[in-house]
Amino acid sequence: MAHEFPIRVYYEDTDLAGIVYYANYLKFIERGRSEWVRAMGVDQVAMKRELGLVFAVRRVEADYLRPAKFDDELIVTTDLVAETGARIVMEQAVMRGAEKLFTATVTLVCLTETGAAARLPAEVRRKLAPPLH
């Protein structure tokens, strides 16, 4: 099931044409990912403090489909696609009602404080696993 995060477009999000500036979609989906991680019960501040690990975006593949405009009410959806011991892949979308405006496939990895790649913590992998029925 997709995590949903509401966002409203403010004047500061738009460009001279009055539409959302392309780079701001990346900010929107970052907020959606942060809330998705929080909703799973992962405390990123504690993860950094206790394990010395942080999430980092490794790859983003984005498609801009339709423009959002000032005062639009949007929903950022986040769906887990895959998880390995070293990365998380998710699909994200920015929606205006039923209309899809933007999509992205995002790959996250864990890094140490020195920037070295690290395995995902076991607790995070457990929280990402689908519930057993």
C-alpha atoms as a PDB file:
ATOM      1  CA  MET A   1       0.000   0.000   0.000  1.00  0.00           C
ATOM      2  CA  ALA A   2       1.336   3.437  -0.928  1.00  0.00           C
ATOM      3  CA  HIS A   3       2.250   6.008   1.675  1.00  0.00           C
ATOM      4  CA  GLU A   4       0.623   9.366   0.921  1.00  0.00           C
ATOM      5  CA  PHE A   5       1.890  12.818   1.875  1.00  0.00           C
ATOM      6  CA  PRO A   6      -0.089  15.996   1.061  1.00  0.00           C
ATOM      7  CA  ILE A   7       1.626  19.115  -0.274  1.00  0.00           C
ATOM      8  CA  ARG A   8       0.243  22.460  -1.394  1.00  0.00           C
ATOM      9  CA  VAL A   9       2.048  24.459  -4.087  1.00  0.00           C
ATOM     10  CA  TYR A  10       3.163  27.851  -2.812  1.00  0.00           C
ATOM     11  CA  TYR A  11       4.232  30.850  -4.850  1.00  0.00           C
ATOM     12  CA  GLU A  12       7.880  30.139  -3.960  1.00  0.00           C
ATOM     13  CA  ASP A  13       7.575  26.715  -5.653  1.00  0.00           C
ATOM     14  CA  THR A  14       6.768  28.229  -9.058  1.00  0.00           C
ATOM     15  CA  ASP A  15       8.810  29.739 -11.868  1.00  0.00           C
ATOM     16  CA  LEU A  16       8.183  32.718 -14.150  1.00  0.00           C
ATOM     17  CA  ALA A  17       5.584  30.735 -16.081  1.00  0.00           C
ATOM     18  CA  GLY A  18       3.608  30.161 -12.863  1.00  0.00           C
ATOM     19  CA  ILE A  19       4.224  26.414 -12.818  1.00  0.00           C
ATOM     20  CA  VAL A  20       6.206  24.337 -10.333  1.00  0.00           C
ATOM     21  CA  TYR A  21       9.925  24.673 -11.038  1.00  0.00           C
ATOM     22  CA  TYR A  22      11.230  21.268 -12.103  1.00  0.00           C
ATOM     23  CA  ALA A  23      13.754  20.844  -9.255  1.00  0.00           C
ATOM     24  CA  ASN A  24      11.026  21.366  -6.656  1.00  0.00           C
ATOM     25  CA  TYR A  25       9.473  18.004  -7.540  1.00  0.00           C
ATOM     26  CA  LEU A  26      12.643  16.438  -6.123  1.00  0.00           C
ATOM     27  CA  LYS A  27      12.054  18.381  -2.888  1.00  0.00           C
ATOM     28  CA  PHE A  28       8.436  17.212  -2.812  1.00  0.00           C
ATOM     29  CA  ILE A  29       9.378  13.537  -3.169  1.00  0.00           C
ATOM     30  CA  GLU A  30      12.164  13.944  -0.577  1.00  0.00           C
ATOM     31  CA  ARG A  31       9.550  15.102   1.918  1.00  0.00           C
ATOM     32  CA  GLY A  32       7.346  12.155   0.956  1.00  0.00           C
ATOM     33  CA  ARG A  33      10.241   9.707   1.479  1.00  0.00           C
ATOM     34  CA  SER A  34      11.113  11.231   4.847  1.00  0.00           C
ATOM     35  CA  GLU A  35       7.517  10.873   6.024  1.00  0.00           C
ATOM     36  CA  TRP A  36       7.352   7.302   4.654  1.00  0.00           C
ATOM     37  CA  VAL A  37      10.470   6.354   6.643  1.00  0.00           C
ATOM     38  CA  ARG A  38       9.041   8.046   9.751  1.00  0.00           C
ATOM     39  CA  ALA A  39       5.703   6.227   9.302  1.00  0.00           C
ATOM     40  CA  MET A  40       7.608   2.907   9.252  1.00  0.00           C
ATOM     41  CA  GLY A  41       9.012   3.761  12.667  1.00  0.00           C
ATOM     42  CA  VAL A  42      12.583   4.439  11.544  1.00  0.00           C
ATOM     43  CA  ASP A  43      14.194   7.271  13.514  1.00  0.00           C
ATOM     44  CA  GLN A  44      16.860   8.653  11.167  1.00  0.00           C
ATOM     45  CA  VAL A  45      18.374  10.896  13.852  1.00  0.00           C
ATOM     46  CA  ALA A  46      18.808   7.902  16.193  1.00  0.00           C
ATOM     47  CA  MET A  47      20.153   5.796  13.300  1.00  0.00           C
ATOM     48  CA  LYS A  48      22.864   8.393  12.712  1.00  0.00           C
ATOM     49  CA  ARG A  49      23.614   8.894  16.406  1.00  0.00           C
ATOM     50  CA  GLU A  50      23.645   5.202  17.402  1.00  0.00           C
ATOM     51  CA  LEU A  51      24.884   3.473  14.249  1.00  0.00           C
ATOM     52  CA  GLY A  52      26.649   6.267  12.382  1.00  0.00           C
ATOM     53  CA  LEU A  53      24.497   5.565   9.306  1.00  0.00           C
ATOM     54  CA  VAL A  54      22.453   7.823   7.058  1.00  0.00           C
ATOM     55  CA  PHE A  55      20.300   7.267   3.968  1.00  0.00           C
ATOM     56  CA  ALA A  56      21.509   8.787   0.716  1.00  0.00           C
ATOM     57  CA  VAL A  57      19.959   8.937  -2.733  1.00  0.00           C
ATOM     58  CA  ARG A  58      22.041   6.855  -5.118  1.00  0.00           C
ATOM     59  CA  ARG A  59      19.880   7.202  -8.225  1.00  0.00           C
ATOM     60  CA  VAL A  60      16.769   9.035  -9.417  1.00  0.00           C
ATOM     61  CA  GLU A  61      15.009   8.385 -12.699  1.00  0.00           C
ATOM     62  CA  ALA A  62      12.315  11.044 -13.150  1.00  0.00           C
ATOM     63  CA  ASP A  63       9.517  11.758 -15.616  1.00  0.00           C
ATOM     64  CA  TYR A  64       7.774  15.126 -15.739  1.00  0.00           C
ATOM     65  CA  LEU A  65       4.306  14.455 -17.139  1.00  0.00           C
ATOM     66  CA  ARG A  66       2.146  17.541 -16.454  1.00  0.00           C
ATOM     67  CA  PRO A  67       2.731  20.857 -14.691  1.00  0.00           C
ATOM     68  CA  ALA A  68       1.493  21.688 -11.214  1.00  0.00           C
ATOM     69  CA  LYS A  69       0.500  25.286 -10.547  1.00  0.00           C
ATOM     70  CA  PHE A  70       0.275  27.740  -7.680  1.00  0.00           C
ATOM     71  CA  ASP A  71      -2.189  26.674  -4.947  1.00  0.00           C
ATOM     72  CA  ASP A  72      -2.619  23.115  -6.297  1.00  0.00           C
ATOM     73  CA  GLU A  73      -3.196  20.487  -3.636  1.00  0.00           C
ATOM     74  CA  LEU A  74      -0.918  17.545  -4.400  1.00  0.00           C
ATOM     75  CA  ILE A  75      -0.290  14.111  -2.955  1.00  0.00           C
ATOM     76  CA  VAL A  76       3.157  12.483  -2.987  1.00  0.00           C
ATOM     77  CA  THR A  77       2.881   8.695  -3.046  1.00  0.00           C
ATOM     78  CA  THR A  78       5.726   6.374  -2.079  1.00  0.00           C
ATOM     79  CA  ASP A  79       5.730   2.622  -2.803  1.00  0.00           C
ATOM     80  CA  LEU A  80       8.485   0.165  -1.941  1.00  0.00           C
ATOM     81  CA  VAL A  81       9.635  -1.726  -5.044  1.00  0.00           C
ATOM     82  CA  ALA A  82      12.619  -3.688  -3.728  1.00  0.00           C
ATOM     83  CA  GLU A  83      14.929  -3.968  -0.755  1.00  0.00           C
ATOM     84  CA  THR A  84      18.274  -5.720  -0.659  1.00  0.00           C
ATOM     85  CA  GLY A  85      20.801  -5.778   2.118  1.00  0.00           C
ATOM     86  CA  ALA A  86      22.375  -2.661   0.666  1.00  0.00           C
ATOM     87  CA  ARG A  87      19.641  -0.601  -0.978  1.00  0.00           C
ATOM     88  CA  ILE A  88      15.984   0.400  -1.082  1.00  0.00           C
ATOM     89  CA  VAL A  89      14.202   1.049  -4.386  1.00  0.00           C
ATOM     90  CA  MET A  90      10.914   2.910  -4.432  1.00  0.00           C
ATOM     91  CA  GLU A  91       8.448   4.381  -6.885  1.00  0.00           C
ATOM     92  CA  GLN A  92       7.191   7.848  -6.128  1.00  0.00           C
ATOM     93  CA  ALA A  93       4.558   9.973  -7.812  1.00  0.00           C
ATOM     94  CA  VAL A  94       3.155  13.460  -7.443  1.00  0.00           C
ATOM     95  CA  MET A  95      -0.595  13.443  -8.017  1.00  0.00           C
ATOM     96  CA  ARG A  96      -3.234  16.153  -8.399  1.00  0.00           C
ATOM     97  CA  GLY A  97      -6.375  14.204  -7.669  1.00  0.00           C
ATOM     98  CA  ALA A  98      -6.303  11.233 -10.060  1.00  0.00           C
ATOM     99  CA  GLU A  99      -3.942  13.045 -12.442  1.00  0.00           C
ATOM    100  CA  LYS A 100      -0.302  11.902 -12.333  1.00  0.00           C
ATOM    101  CA  LEU A 101       2.041  14.882 -12.747  1.00  0.00           C
ATOM    102  CA  PHE A 102       5.466  13.426 -11.959  1.00  0.00           C
ATOM    103  CA  THR A 103       6.963   9.981 -11.373  1.00  0.00           C
ATOM    104  CA  ALA A 104      10.351   8.844 -10.123  1.00  0.00           C
ATOM    105  CA  THR A 105      12.165   5.637  -9.350  1.00  0.00           C
ATOM    106  CA  VAL A 106      14.507   6.338  -6.448  1.00  0.00           C
ATOM    107  CA  THR A 107      17.314   4.165  -5.077  1.00  0.00           C
ATOM    108  CA  LEU A 108      18.505   4.792  -1.517  1.00  0.00           C
ATOM    109  CA  VAL A 109      21.639   3.407   0.104  1.00  0.00           C
ATOM    110  CA  CYS A 110      23.138   3.637   3.570  1.00  0.00           C
ATOM    111  CA  LEU A 111      26.381   5.504   4.107  1.00  0.00           C
ATOM    112  CA  THR A 112      28.691   5.807   7.080  1.00  0.00           C
ATOM    113  CA  GLU A 113      29.669   9.225   8.386  1.00  0.00           C
ATOM    114  CA  THR A 114      32.803   9.006   6.222  1.00  0.00           C
ATOM    115  CA  GLY A 115      30.716   8.345   3.107  1.00  0.00           C
ATOM    116  CA  ALA A 116      31.488   4.637   2.789  1.00  0.00           C
ATOM    117  CA  ALA A 117      28.710   2.293   1.658  1.00  0.00           C
ATOM    118  CA  ALA A 118      27.117   0.209   4.413  1.00  0.00           C
ATOM    119  CA  ARG A 119      24.491  -2.503   4.691  1.00  0.00           C
ATOM    120  CA  LEU A 120      20.997  -1.498   5.748  1.00  0.00           C
ATOM    121  CA  PRO A 121      20.485  -2.065   9.483  1.00  0.00           C
ATOM    122  CA  ALA A 122      18.608  -5.300  10.275  1.00  0.00           C
ATOM    123  CA  GLU A 123      15.890  -3.330  12.087  1.00  0.00           C
ATOM    124  CA  VAL A 124      15.236  -1.252   8.969  1.00  0.00           C
ATOM    125  CA  ARG A 125      15.077  -4.386   6.774  1.00  0.00           C
ATOM    126  CA  ARG A 126      12.550  -5.933   9.210  1.00  0.00           C
ATOM    127  CA  LYS A 127      10.367  -2.838   9.038  1.00  0.00           C
ATOM    128  CA  LEU A 128      10.444  -2.920   5.235  1.00  0.00           C
ATOM    129  CA  ALA A 129       9.472  -6.595   5.050  1.00  0.00           C
ATOM    130  CA  PRO A 130       5.839  -7.265   4.187  1.00  0.00           C
ATOM    131  CA  PRO A 131       3.789  -8.640   7.088  1.00  0.00           C
ATOM    132  CA  LEU A 132       3.404 -12.422   7.171  1.00  0.00           C
ATOM    133  CA  HIS A 133      -0.154 -13.725   6.905  1.00  0.00           C
END
